[in-house]
N, C-alpha and C. Protein backbone atom coordinates (compact mmCIF):
# COMPACT_ATOMS: atom_id res chain seq x y z
N MET A 1 93.38 93.51 108.90
CA MET A 1 94.13 92.29 110.12
C MET A 1 95.11 93.99 110.81
N ASP A 2 95.18 93.14 111.89
CA ASP A 2 95.20 93.93 113.37
C ASP A 2 96.22 93.22 114.04
N ALA A 3 97.07 93.62 114.89
CA ALA A 3 97.47 93.28 116.21
C ALA A 3 97.31 94.03 117.20
N THR A 4 97.05 93.32 118.11
CA THR A 4 96.57 94.04 119.64
C THR A 4 97.41 93.43 120.81
N SER A 5 97.47 93.90 121.46
CA SER A 5 98.59 93.86 122.90
C SER A 5 97.38 92.55 123.69
N ILE A 6 98.11 91.53 124.45
CA ILE A 6 97.58 90.55 125.41
C ILE A 6 98.55 90.98 126.68
N PRO A 7 98.33 91.78 127.79
CA PRO A 7 99.19 91.37 129.14
C PRO A 7 99.37 90.39 129.42
N VAL A 8 100.53 90.33 130.24
CA VAL A 8 100.60 89.40 130.98
C VAL A 8 100.64 89.43 132.68
N LEU A 9 100.26 88.61 133.53
CA LEU A 9 100.56 89.26 134.87
C LEU A 9 102.00 89.15 135.78
N ALA A 10 102.94 88.20 134.72
CA ALA A 10 104.37 88.54 134.78
C ALA A 10 105.38 89.48 135.17
N ASN A 11 106.28 89.42 135.44
CA ASN A 11 106.75 90.95 135.32
C ASN A 11 107.33 90.81 133.93
N PRO A 12 108.36 91.86 133.50
CA PRO A 12 109.51 91.17 132.34
C PRO A 12 111.12 90.95 133.30
N ASP A 13 112.07 90.44 132.47
CA ASP A 13 113.41 91.10 132.88
C ASP A 13 113.46 91.86 133.38
N SER A 14 114.70 91.79 134.98
CA SER A 14 114.94 93.27 134.94
C SER A 14 116.76 93.19 135.22
N ASP A 15 117.52 93.97 134.25
CA ASP A 15 118.83 93.88 134.70
C ASP A 15 118.91 94.23 136.27
N TYR A 16 117.90 95.23 136.66
CA TYR A 16 118.72 95.69 137.97
C TYR A 16 118.17 94.72 139.12
N SER A 17 117.83 94.22 139.23
CA SER A 17 117.52 93.08 139.88
C SER A 17 118.45 90.88 139.76
N GLY A 18 118.80 91.04 138.33
CA GLY A 18 118.86 90.06 137.67
C GLY A 18 117.93 88.91 137.53
N THR A 19 116.92 89.22 137.45
CA THR A 19 115.90 88.38 137.07
C THR A 19 114.96 88.08 136.06
N ALA A 20 114.87 87.12 135.59
CA ALA A 20 114.07 86.60 134.92
C ALA A 20 112.65 86.48 134.43
N SER A 21 111.70 86.89 133.41
CA SER A 21 110.46 86.74 133.66
C SER A 21 110.17 85.15 133.26
N VAL A 22 109.12 84.64 133.88
CA VAL A 22 108.70 83.26 133.94
C VAL A 22 107.94 83.12 132.82
N GLU A 23 107.53 84.27 132.39
CA GLU A 23 106.35 84.01 130.82
C GLU A 23 107.61 84.23 129.58
N ILE A 24 108.64 83.42 128.99
CA ILE A 24 109.74 83.07 128.51
C ILE A 24 109.51 83.80 126.93
N THR A 25 108.68 83.61 126.36
CA THR A 25 107.98 84.15 125.26
C THR A 25 107.17 85.37 125.08
N ALA A 26 107.06 85.99 126.66
CA ALA A 26 106.55 87.44 126.16
C ALA A 26 107.06 88.42 125.78
N GLY A 27 107.29 89.69 125.23
CA GLY A 27 107.93 90.72 124.70
C GLY A 27 107.35 92.29 124.90
N TRP A 28 107.78 92.83 124.24
CA TRP A 28 107.01 94.21 124.65
C TRP A 28 106.83 94.26 123.37
N HIS A 29 105.14 95.08 123.60
CA HIS A 29 104.25 95.23 122.64
C HIS A 29 103.75 96.90 122.42
N PHE A 30 104.19 97.59 121.45
CA PHE A 30 103.95 98.79 121.35
C PHE A 30 102.52 99.23 119.66
N SER A 31 101.73 99.69 120.82
CA SER A 31 100.78 100.21 119.75
C SER A 31 101.67 101.41 118.78
N GLY A 32 100.57 101.47 117.86
CA GLY A 32 101.43 102.46 116.62
C GLY A 32 101.09 103.90 117.28
N GLY A 33 102.62 104.38 117.31
CA GLY A 33 102.59 105.80 117.79
C GLY A 33 102.89 105.58 119.27
N SER A 34 102.92 104.45 120.06
CA SER A 34 103.39 105.25 121.68
C SER A 34 104.46 104.29 122.05
N ASP A 35 104.97 105.11 122.91
CA ASP A 35 106.63 104.90 123.45
C ASP A 35 106.72 104.43 124.67
N LYS A 36 105.06 103.57 125.10
CA LYS A 36 104.82 102.90 126.35
C LYS A 36 104.59 101.55 125.99
N GLY A 37 105.69 100.49 126.17
CA GLY A 37 105.00 99.23 125.82
C GLY A 37 104.31 98.39 126.70
N ILE A 38 103.90 97.41 126.47
CA ILE A 38 103.04 96.29 127.12
C ILE A 38 103.63 94.89 127.19
N PHE A 39 103.95 94.61 128.07
CA PHE A 39 104.82 93.24 128.31
C PHE A 39 103.39 92.26 128.23
N GLY A 40 103.84 91.22 127.47
CA GLY A 40 103.01 90.23 127.20
C GLY A 40 102.63 89.79 125.71
N TYR A 41 101.78 89.62 125.00
CA TYR A 41 101.65 88.76 123.44
C TYR A 41 101.35 89.88 122.86
N SER A 42 101.38 89.69 121.55
CA SER A 42 100.82 90.00 120.55
C SER A 42 99.60 89.59 119.66
N ALA A 43 98.55 89.77 119.48
CA ALA A 43 97.19 88.49 118.80
C ALA A 43 97.43 89.67 117.80
N SER A 44 97.03 88.56 116.92
CA SER A 44 97.05 89.26 115.32
C SER A 44 96.05 89.16 114.46
N LEU A 45 95.00 89.54 114.59
CA LEU A 45 93.37 89.43 114.52
C LEU A 45 92.95 89.74 113.48
N LEU A 46 92.17 88.05 112.58
CA LEU A 46 91.25 89.16 111.47
C LEU A 46 90.18 89.39 111.51
N VAL A 47 89.78 90.93 111.20
CA VAL A 47 88.35 90.97 111.22
C VAL A 47 87.34 91.41 110.21
N ALA A 48 86.59 90.58 110.13
CA ALA A 48 86.14 91.03 108.83
C ALA A 48 85.04 92.50 108.70
N ALA A 49 85.17 93.01 107.64
CA ALA A 49 84.96 94.60 107.34
C ALA A 49 84.35 94.54 106.10
N ARG A 50 83.17 95.78 106.09
CA ARG A 50 82.24 95.92 104.99
C ARG A 50 82.42 96.91 104.35
N SER A 51 82.75 97.33 103.47
CA SER A 51 83.28 98.34 102.37
C SER A 51 81.92 98.92 101.71
N ARG A 52 81.99 100.30 101.43
CA ARG A 52 80.57 100.66 101.03
C ARG A 52 80.58 100.55 99.61
N THR A 53 79.17 100.58 99.27
CA THR A 53 79.26 99.85 97.68
C THR A 53 79.23 101.34 96.84
N GLY A 54 79.10 101.05 95.67
CA GLY A 54 79.66 102.36 94.72
C GLY A 54 78.40 103.68 94.76
N GLU A 55 77.24 103.01 95.05
CA GLU A 55 75.98 104.06 95.55
C GLU A 55 76.32 104.66 96.36
N GLU A 56 76.73 103.70 97.41
CA GLU A 56 76.63 104.72 98.68
C GLU A 56 77.87 105.72 98.69
N ALA A 57 79.33 105.24 98.32
CA ALA A 57 80.15 106.28 97.70
C ALA A 57 79.83 107.32 97.20
N THR A 58 78.83 107.10 96.08
CA THR A 58 78.69 107.85 95.12
C THR A 58 77.74 109.62 95.90
N LYS A 59 77.27 108.82 96.39
CA LYS A 59 76.07 109.56 97.61
C LYS A 59 76.87 110.13 98.98
N GLY A 60 78.12 109.88 99.07
CA GLY A 60 78.21 110.29 100.65
C GLY A 60 77.72 109.31 101.64
N ARG A 61 77.25 108.38 101.64
CA ARG A 61 76.85 107.96 102.38
C ARG A 61 77.96 106.96 103.62
N ARG A 62 77.33 106.44 104.47
CA ARG A 62 78.26 105.57 105.33
C ARG A 62 77.83 104.18 105.59
N ALA A 63 78.80 103.32 105.05
CA ALA A 63 78.15 101.97 104.90
C ALA A 63 77.38 101.63 106.83
N PRO A 64 76.28 101.02 106.80
CA PRO A 64 75.89 100.90 107.81
C PRO A 64 76.50 99.77 108.02
N SER A 65 76.16 100.35 110.11
CA SER A 65 77.01 99.23 111.02
C SER A 65 76.26 98.01 111.01
N TYR A 66 77.63 97.15 111.52
CA TYR A 66 77.21 95.76 112.10
C TYR A 66 78.52 94.90 112.58
N PRO A 67 77.70 93.42 113.47
CA PRO A 67 78.40 93.22 114.45
C PRO A 67 80.04 92.83 113.71
N GLN A 68 81.04 93.40 114.28
CA GLN A 68 82.11 93.22 113.77
C GLN A 68 82.46 91.29 113.74
N LEU A 69 83.45 90.92 112.95
CA LEU A 69 83.66 89.02 113.16
C LEU A 69 84.63 88.96 113.01
N CYS A 70 85.23 88.22 114.10
CA CYS A 70 86.75 87.91 114.17
C CYS A 70 86.39 86.73 113.51
N LEU A 71 87.12 86.23 112.16
CA LEU A 71 87.30 85.39 111.55
C LEU A 71 88.97 84.45 112.16
N GLY A 72 89.80 85.30 112.72
CA GLY A 72 91.30 84.78 112.85
C GLY A 72 91.40 85.08 113.78
N LEU A 73 92.72 84.55 114.86
CA LEU A 73 93.72 84.87 115.84
C LEU A 73 94.67 84.12 115.88
N SER A 74 95.91 84.94 115.56
CA SER A 74 97.43 84.27 115.98
C SER A 74 97.95 84.74 117.29
N LEU A 75 98.55 84.31 118.32
CA LEU A 75 98.72 84.80 119.30
C LEU A 75 100.54 84.46 119.24
N ASP A 76 101.86 85.45 119.03
CA ASP A 76 102.33 85.03 119.66
C ASP A 76 103.78 86.15 119.97
N THR A 77 105.16 86.00 119.97
CA THR A 77 105.63 86.76 120.95
C THR A 77 105.75 88.58 119.53
N PRO A 78 105.51 89.69 120.77
CA PRO A 78 105.66 90.97 119.64
C PRO A 78 106.76 91.05 118.43
N THR A 79 106.15 91.75 117.48
CA THR A 79 107.25 91.81 116.42
C THR A 79 108.03 90.73 116.00
N VAL A 80 107.65 89.34 116.66
CA VAL A 80 107.75 88.56 116.02
C VAL A 80 107.19 87.73 115.26
N ARG A 81 107.57 87.19 113.56
CA ARG A 81 106.59 86.24 112.83
C ARG A 81 105.30 86.97 112.63
N THR A 82 105.23 89.02 112.28
CA THR A 82 104.12 89.62 112.62
C THR A 82 103.17 89.00 110.94
N GLY A 83 104.16 89.12 109.52
CA GLY A 83 103.56 88.96 108.69
C GLY A 83 103.35 87.71 108.77
N GLU A 84 104.25 86.87 108.90
CA GLU A 84 103.83 85.09 108.82
C GLU A 84 102.45 84.60 109.67
N ASN A 85 102.57 85.27 110.76
CA ASN A 85 101.50 84.85 111.77
C ASN A 85 100.20 85.52 110.59
N ALA A 86 100.12 86.86 109.88
CA ALA A 86 98.75 87.00 109.18
C ALA A 86 98.71 86.34 108.25
N VAL A 87 99.73 85.54 107.22
CA VAL A 87 99.80 84.62 106.51
C VAL A 87 98.87 83.65 106.83
N THR A 88 98.91 83.25 107.80
CA THR A 88 98.76 81.86 108.43
C THR A 88 97.55 81.58 108.31
N VAL A 89 96.65 82.80 108.91
CA VAL A 89 95.57 82.62 109.30
C VAL A 89 94.66 83.13 108.26
N LEU A 90 95.40 83.78 107.27
CA LEU A 90 94.29 83.81 106.13
C LEU A 90 94.49 82.48 104.96
N LYS A 91 95.64 81.70 105.32
CA LYS A 91 95.88 80.48 104.36
C LYS A 91 94.55 79.87 105.33
N HIS A 92 94.23 80.10 106.41
CA HIS A 92 92.81 78.56 106.53
C HIS A 92 91.42 79.02 106.30
N LEU A 93 91.38 80.60 106.08
CA LEU A 93 90.55 80.91 105.34
C LEU A 93 90.12 80.96 104.22
N ALA A 94 91.48 80.38 102.98
CA ALA A 94 91.58 79.93 101.66
C ALA A 94 91.10 78.57 102.15
N GLU A 95 91.36 77.60 102.36
CA GLU A 95 91.23 76.15 102.91
C GLU A 95 89.75 76.18 102.93
N LEU A 96 88.96 77.04 103.54
CA LEU A 96 87.44 76.91 103.34
C LEU A 96 86.70 77.59 102.68
N ARG A 97 87.57 78.06 101.09
CA ARG A 97 87.12 78.70 100.22
C ARG A 97 86.18 79.74 100.39
N LEU A 98 86.19 80.75 101.42
CA LEU A 98 85.88 81.74 101.31
C LEU A 98 86.83 83.20 100.54
N PRO A 99 85.32 84.11 100.08
CA PRO A 99 85.99 84.69 98.93
C PRO A 99 86.72 85.81 99.45
N THR A 100 87.47 86.17 98.33
CA THR A 100 89.16 87.25 98.67
C THR A 100 88.48 88.78 98.28
N GLY A 101 89.03 89.48 98.76
CA GLY A 101 88.94 90.79 98.64
C GLY A 101 90.45 91.91 98.98
N ILE A 102 90.08 93.20 99.54
CA ILE A 102 90.50 93.75 100.36
C ILE A 102 91.24 93.39 101.29
N CYS A 103 92.68 93.22 101.50
CA CYS A 103 93.23 93.43 102.90
C CYS A 103 93.54 94.03 103.59
N ALA A 104 93.55 94.89 104.94
CA ALA A 104 93.42 96.52 105.17
C ALA A 104 94.57 96.00 106.25
N ALA A 105 95.71 96.59 106.29
CA ALA A 105 96.90 96.44 107.13
C ALA A 105 97.35 97.57 107.84
N ASP A 106 98.11 97.90 108.96
CA ASP A 106 98.37 98.92 109.13
C ASP A 106 99.90 98.63 109.34
N ARG A 107 100.60 99.67 110.03
CA ARG A 107 102.10 100.05 109.66
C ARG A 107 102.89 98.80 110.16
N ALA A 108 102.48 97.88 111.09
CA ALA A 108 102.99 96.74 111.65
C ALA A 108 103.42 96.13 110.37
N TYR A 109 102.23 95.55 109.62
CA TYR A 109 102.57 94.86 108.37
C TYR A 109 102.94 95.61 107.75
N THR A 110 102.68 96.70 107.28
CA THR A 110 103.61 97.20 105.71
C THR A 110 105.04 97.19 105.98
N GLY A 111 105.72 97.25 106.97
CA GLY A 111 106.82 97.16 107.43
C GLY A 111 107.85 95.46 107.30
N CYS A 112 106.52 95.19 106.75
CA CYS A 112 107.19 93.64 106.78
C CYS A 112 107.83 93.56 105.75
N SER A 113 108.97 92.54 105.44
CA SER A 113 109.54 91.98 104.51
C SER A 113 108.54 91.29 103.44
N PRO A 114 108.45 92.06 102.07
CA PRO A 114 107.33 91.28 101.07
C PRO A 114 107.09 89.94 101.02
N GLY A 115 108.23 89.31 101.26
CA GLY A 115 108.39 87.63 101.00
C GLY A 115 107.63 87.61 102.06
N ASN A 116 107.42 87.79 103.71
CA ASN A 116 106.83 87.34 104.36
C ASN A 116 105.03 88.26 104.47
N PHE A 117 104.84 88.51 104.13
CA PHE A 117 103.43 89.35 104.00
C PHE A 117 102.80 89.87 102.85
N GLN A 118 103.36 90.37 101.99
CA GLN A 118 103.07 91.34 100.90
C GLN A 118 102.66 90.61 99.68
N VAL A 119 103.51 89.79 99.35
CA VAL A 119 103.55 89.14 98.32
C VAL A 119 102.90 87.22 98.54
N PRO A 120 102.78 86.44 99.67
CA PRO A 120 101.92 85.79 100.19
C PRO A 120 100.25 85.95 99.75
N VAL A 121 99.83 87.10 100.39
CA VAL A 121 98.70 87.56 100.38
C VAL A 121 98.31 87.85 99.53
N ARG A 122 99.26 88.44 98.37
CA ARG A 122 98.85 88.65 97.24
C ARG A 122 98.43 87.26 96.29
N ARG A 123 99.40 86.75 96.88
CA ARG A 123 98.82 85.07 95.90
C ARG A 123 97.96 84.55 96.50
N LEU A 124 97.33 84.86 98.01
CA LEU A 124 96.37 84.18 98.06
C LEU A 124 95.41 84.73 97.22
N GLY A 125 94.79 85.73 96.65
CA GLY A 125 93.91 86.35 96.00
C GLY A 125 93.25 87.87 96.70
N TYR A 126 94.09 88.34 97.42
CA TYR A 126 93.85 89.43 97.99
C TYR A 126 94.93 90.55 97.58
N ARG A 127 93.89 91.64 97.77
CA ARG A 127 94.61 93.20 97.06
C ARG A 127 94.86 93.77 98.68
N LEU A 128 96.19 94.57 98.51
CA LEU A 128 96.00 94.93 100.28
C LEU A 128 95.75 96.87 99.85
N ALA A 129 95.09 97.04 101.26
CA ALA A 129 95.42 98.64 101.59
C ALA A 129 96.44 98.62 102.46
N LEU A 130 97.33 99.64 102.36
CA LEU A 130 98.35 99.73 103.42
C LEU A 130 98.67 101.01 104.10
N ASP A 131 98.84 101.15 104.91
CA ASP A 131 99.41 102.42 106.00
C ASP A 131 100.99 102.74 105.77
N TYR A 132 100.95 104.25 105.35
CA TYR A 132 102.25 104.77 105.60
C TYR A 132 102.45 106.20 106.55
N LYS A 133 103.39 106.01 106.53
CA LYS A 133 103.75 106.76 107.01
C LYS A 133 103.63 108.59 107.16
N ALA A 134 103.19 109.82 106.84
CA ALA A 134 103.58 110.79 106.20
C ALA A 134 104.95 110.91 105.51
N ALA A 135 106.09 110.82 105.90
CA ALA A 135 107.39 110.75 105.99
C ALA A 135 107.65 109.53 104.71
N ASP A 136 106.80 108.73 104.45
CA ASP A 136 106.86 107.70 103.70
C ASP A 136 106.20 108.22 102.12
N ARG A 137 105.57 109.36 101.87
CA ARG A 137 105.09 109.59 101.31
C ARG A 137 105.69 110.09 100.02
N GLY A 138 105.06 110.19 99.02
CA GLY A 138 105.56 111.00 97.66
C GLY A 138 106.30 109.86 96.52
N ILE A 139 107.64 109.92 96.38
CA ILE A 139 108.25 108.69 95.51
C ILE A 139 109.03 108.00 96.17
N GLN A 140 108.33 106.90 96.19
CA GLN A 140 109.45 105.88 96.82
C GLN A 140 110.60 105.09 96.22
N GLY A 141 111.00 105.16 94.80
CA GLY A 141 111.66 104.52 94.39
C GLY A 141 111.23 104.14 92.80
N SER A 142 111.73 103.51 92.26
CA SER A 142 111.19 103.11 90.57
C SER A 142 111.41 101.68 90.55
N TRP A 143 110.75 101.10 89.35
CA TRP A 143 111.06 99.46 88.89
C TRP A 143 110.71 99.82 87.51
N GLN A 144 112.35 99.35 86.45
CA GLN A 144 111.76 99.54 85.16
C GLN A 144 111.44 100.73 84.90
N GLY A 145 111.98 101.55 85.24
CA GLY A 145 111.39 103.36 84.77
C GLY A 145 110.17 103.84 85.25
N ALA A 146 109.20 103.00 85.72
CA ALA A 146 108.06 103.62 86.53
C ALA A 146 108.96 103.88 87.52
N VAL A 147 107.79 104.93 88.20
CA VAL A 147 107.90 105.56 89.29
C VAL A 147 107.20 105.14 90.48
N LEU A 148 107.48 104.94 91.64
CA LEU A 148 106.80 104.52 93.00
C LEU A 148 106.36 105.17 93.36
N ILE A 149 104.81 105.90 93.65
CA ILE A 149 104.74 106.96 94.63
C ILE A 149 103.34 106.27 95.11
N ASP A 150 104.31 106.67 96.63
CA ASP A 150 102.67 105.97 97.25
C ASP A 150 102.40 104.68 97.40
N GLY A 151 103.09 104.03 96.92
CA GLY A 151 102.99 102.15 96.71
C GLY A 151 102.10 102.00 95.71
N SER A 152 102.31 102.65 94.39
CA SER A 152 101.58 102.40 93.05
C SER A 152 102.42 103.05 91.88
N LEU A 153 102.74 102.04 91.35
CA LEU A 153 103.55 102.47 89.94
C LEU A 153 102.89 103.54 89.09
N ALA A 154 103.71 104.27 88.81
CA ALA A 154 103.44 105.77 87.47
C ALA A 154 103.81 105.94 86.50
N CYS A 155 103.49 106.86 85.54
CA CYS A 155 104.59 106.98 84.64
C CYS A 155 105.65 107.82 84.75
N PRO A 156 106.33 107.41 83.93
CA PRO A 156 108.06 108.38 84.55
C PRO A 156 107.97 109.45 84.08
N HIS A 157 107.54 110.32 83.29
CA HIS A 157 107.19 111.21 82.81
C HIS A 157 106.47 112.07 83.68
N ILE A 158 106.01 111.61 84.60
CA ILE A 158 104.77 112.45 85.69
C ILE A 158 105.53 113.78 86.62
N PRO A 159 104.98 115.22 86.31
CA PRO A 159 105.35 116.08 86.91
C PRO A 159 105.89 116.32 87.75
N ASN A 160 107.05 116.31 88.31
CA ASN A 160 107.57 116.43 89.39
C ASN A 160 106.70 117.00 91.02
N ALA A 161 106.01 118.27 90.48
CA ALA A 161 105.39 118.59 91.39
C ALA A 161 104.14 117.63 91.99
N LEU A 162 103.60 117.27 90.82
CA LEU A 162 102.33 116.09 91.09
C LEU A 162 102.66 115.08 91.71
N ALA A 163 104.03 114.58 91.80
CA ALA A 163 104.59 113.37 91.78
C ALA A 163 105.00 113.45 93.35
N GLN A 164 105.57 114.47 93.78
CA GLN A 164 105.60 114.84 95.38
C GLN A 164 104.36 115.73 96.28
N ALA A 165 103.01 115.57 95.59
CA ALA A 165 102.00 116.67 95.68
C ALA A 165 101.71 116.22 97.59
N THR A 166 102.08 114.41 97.50
CA THR A 166 101.83 114.14 98.86
C THR A 166 102.60 113.83 99.91
N HIS A 167 104.25 114.28 99.48
CA HIS A 167 105.01 113.76 100.40
C HIS A 167 105.16 115.20 101.96
N GLY A 168 104.83 113.98 103.10
CA GLY A 168 105.24 114.74 104.34
C GLY A 168 103.93 115.64 104.92
N VAL A 169 102.82 115.55 103.70
CA VAL A 169 101.65 116.18 104.31
C VAL A 169 100.73 115.20 105.20
N ASP A 170 100.19 115.48 106.05
CA ASP A 170 99.17 115.04 107.31
C ASP A 170 98.05 114.53 106.22
N ASP A 171 96.98 113.67 107.35
CA ASP A 171 96.27 112.76 106.55
C ASP A 171 94.95 113.78 106.23
N LYS A 172 94.77 115.03 106.76
CA LYS A 172 93.78 116.49 106.20
C LYS A 172 93.80 116.82 105.24
N THR A 173 95.48 117.24 105.14
CA THR A 173 95.99 117.90 103.57
C THR A 173 95.75 116.83 102.80
N PHE A 174 96.41 115.73 102.97
CA PHE A 174 95.98 114.90 102.18
C PHE A 174 94.87 114.61 101.77
N ARG A 175 94.08 114.06 102.04
CA ARG A 175 92.66 114.03 101.49
C ARG A 175 91.99 115.25 100.60
N ARG A 176 92.64 116.70 101.10
CA ARG A 176 92.33 117.61 100.50
C ARG A 176 92.94 117.94 99.15
N ARG A 177 94.50 117.46 99.14
CA ARG A 177 95.08 117.40 98.05
C ARG A 177 94.57 116.43 96.93
N LEU A 178 94.16 114.71 97.32
CA LEU A 178 93.29 114.45 96.08
C LEU A 178 92.14 114.57 95.38
N ASP A 179 91.43 115.68 96.36
CA ASP A 179 90.03 116.11 95.41
C ASP A 179 90.69 117.12 94.39
N ASP A 180 91.80 118.15 95.21
CA ASP A 180 92.50 119.06 94.35
C ASP A 180 93.18 118.54 92.75
N LEU A 181 93.90 117.09 92.68
CA LEU A 181 94.72 116.30 91.95
C LEU A 181 93.53 116.03 91.15
N ASN A 182 91.99 116.05 91.15
CA ASN A 182 91.46 115.94 89.69
C ASN A 182 91.18 116.50 88.82
N LEU A 183 91.31 118.05 89.30
CA LEU A 183 91.11 119.28 88.30
C LEU A 183 92.58 118.72 87.69
N TRP A 184 93.24 117.95 87.92
CA TRP A 184 94.80 118.32 86.85
C TRP A 184 94.59 117.91 85.78
N SER A 185 94.18 118.24 84.26
CA SER A 185 94.56 117.68 83.27
C SER A 185 95.42 116.67 82.44
N PRO A 186 95.26 115.76 82.08
CA PRO A 186 96.36 114.73 81.67
C PRO A 186 96.94 115.38 80.21
N SER A 187 97.02 116.45 79.77
CA SER A 187 96.93 117.33 78.51
C SER A 187 98.59 118.11 79.06
N ASP A 188 98.42 117.94 80.34
CA ASP A 188 99.76 118.31 80.89
C ASP A 188 100.99 117.61 80.81
N CYS A 189 100.85 116.13 80.79
CA CYS A 189 101.96 115.64 80.90
C CYS A 189 102.75 115.78 79.60
N PRO A 190 104.03 115.63 80.05
CA PRO A 190 105.44 115.62 79.00
C PRO A 190 104.71 114.84 77.63
N THR A 191 104.85 113.46 77.76
CA THR A 191 104.53 112.40 76.72
C THR A 191 103.51 113.02 74.93
N SER A 192 102.66 113.98 75.60
CA SER A 192 102.19 114.63 74.61
C SER A 192 102.64 115.57 73.74
N SER A 193 102.91 115.34 72.52
CA SER A 193 103.27 116.53 71.56
C SER A 193 103.05 117.98 71.56
N SER A 194 101.55 118.21 71.72
CA SER A 194 101.21 119.50 72.32
C SER A 194 100.30 119.32 73.37
N SER A 195 100.64 120.70 74.44
CA SER A 195 100.25 120.77 75.81
C SER A 195 98.51 120.58 75.66
N SER A 196 98.04 121.37 74.35
CA SER A 196 96.71 121.60 74.43
C SER A 196 95.72 119.84 73.65
N ARG A 197 96.80 119.13 73.35
CA ARG A 197 96.53 117.73 72.73
C ARG A 197 96.21 116.80 74.19
N THR A 198 94.69 116.08 74.03
CA THR A 198 94.16 115.35 74.50
C THR A 198 94.92 113.58 73.86
N PRO A 199 95.40 112.79 75.09
CA PRO A 199 95.25 111.42 74.99
C PRO A 199 94.24 111.10 74.16
N THR A 200 94.01 110.20 73.27
CA THR A 200 93.29 109.78 72.57
C THR A 200 93.20 107.70 73.37
N PRO A 201 92.32 107.18 73.28
CA PRO A 201 92.71 105.59 73.53
C PRO A 201 93.27 104.92 73.34
N ALA A 202 93.90 105.13 71.86
CA ALA A 202 94.71 104.21 71.44
C ALA A 202 96.05 104.83 71.72
N GLU A 203 96.45 106.24 72.25
CA GLU A 203 97.40 106.34 73.08
C GLU A 203 97.25 106.87 74.10
N PRO A 204 97.08 106.18 75.08
CA PRO A 204 96.45 106.86 76.81
C PRO A 204 97.70 107.13 76.99
N CYS A 205 97.60 108.37 78.08
CA CYS A 205 98.74 108.73 79.06
C CYS A 205 98.52 108.17 80.22
N ALA A 206 99.63 107.75 80.51
CA ALA A 206 100.16 106.70 81.61
C ALA A 206 100.03 107.74 83.04
N CYS A 207 100.36 108.87 82.55
CA CYS A 207 100.51 109.80 84.05
C CYS A 207 98.97 109.68 84.38
N ASN A 208 97.76 109.72 84.11
CA ASN A 208 96.32 109.85 84.68
C ASN A 208 96.11 108.30 84.53
N ALA A 209 96.96 107.44 84.58
CA ALA A 209 96.56 106.66 85.21
C ALA A 209 96.02 106.01 86.83
N ARG A 210 96.73 107.09 87.35
CA ARG A 210 96.27 106.70 88.78
C ARG A 210 96.61 108.03 89.26
N ARG A 211 96.34 108.00 90.61
CA ARG A 211 96.37 109.45 91.37
C ARG A 211 97.35 109.14 92.32
N PRO A 212 98.38 109.65 92.83
CA PRO A 212 99.26 110.15 93.99
C PRO A 212 98.60 110.12 95.48
N GLY A 213 98.91 109.46 96.19
CA GLY A 213 98.30 108.79 97.33
C GLY A 213 97.01 107.79 97.16
N ARG A 214 97.55 107.43 96.47
CA ARG A 214 96.16 105.91 96.59
C ARG A 214 96.92 104.85 96.89
N LEU A 215 96.58 104.24 98.20
CA LEU A 215 96.98 103.32 98.65
C LEU A 215 96.69 101.84 98.32
N LEU A 216 96.18 102.05 97.92
CA LEU A 216 94.92 100.11 97.37
C LEU A 216 95.60 99.78 96.58
N ARG A 217 96.54 98.98 96.73
CA ARG A 217 97.21 98.28 95.31
C ARG A 217 96.74 96.68 95.13
């Protein structure tokens, strides 16, 4: 799910000349990271994507290229009903009984109110892969004692160094640290009675249930 700008020929409102735009429902669209806006509309596009198979991921092969197929589009004023427009498009796909999978979205949707995007999308059967700013990585809060890290819940006894391993890092460092975290032993978890004790299947270590930085939920 992504939003792209649709510019218009009309001029925006001008406080200097006291004129208004003939495009009364248009607004300023700002692409991610840009401080220069485009006056017009935002088109919420739903594009089919193909993920790598397990064999392709294991062997480090890229998914084969194929034509990008747009399954839906919703045109609206920028920053208005961003989440709701995405949900509207996905609901039309649900009516066609198309298979659900992973819905990837950028920060425009990450920042939506949960009730306007995340919750209804999950109810439609999708899993979410969301984008975060580097400053938002690491511990984000808690829920019933579990620690929320990079969008996923972790064991409340997770070591602080591990919980903050992704805080403020750039994407390149983030991916490198994911490989380093694979070397971390679950026996280091404070929930174990002995540092050399390995959790058994009957007594699993919750700290090993996830890796910090995994944004897929």
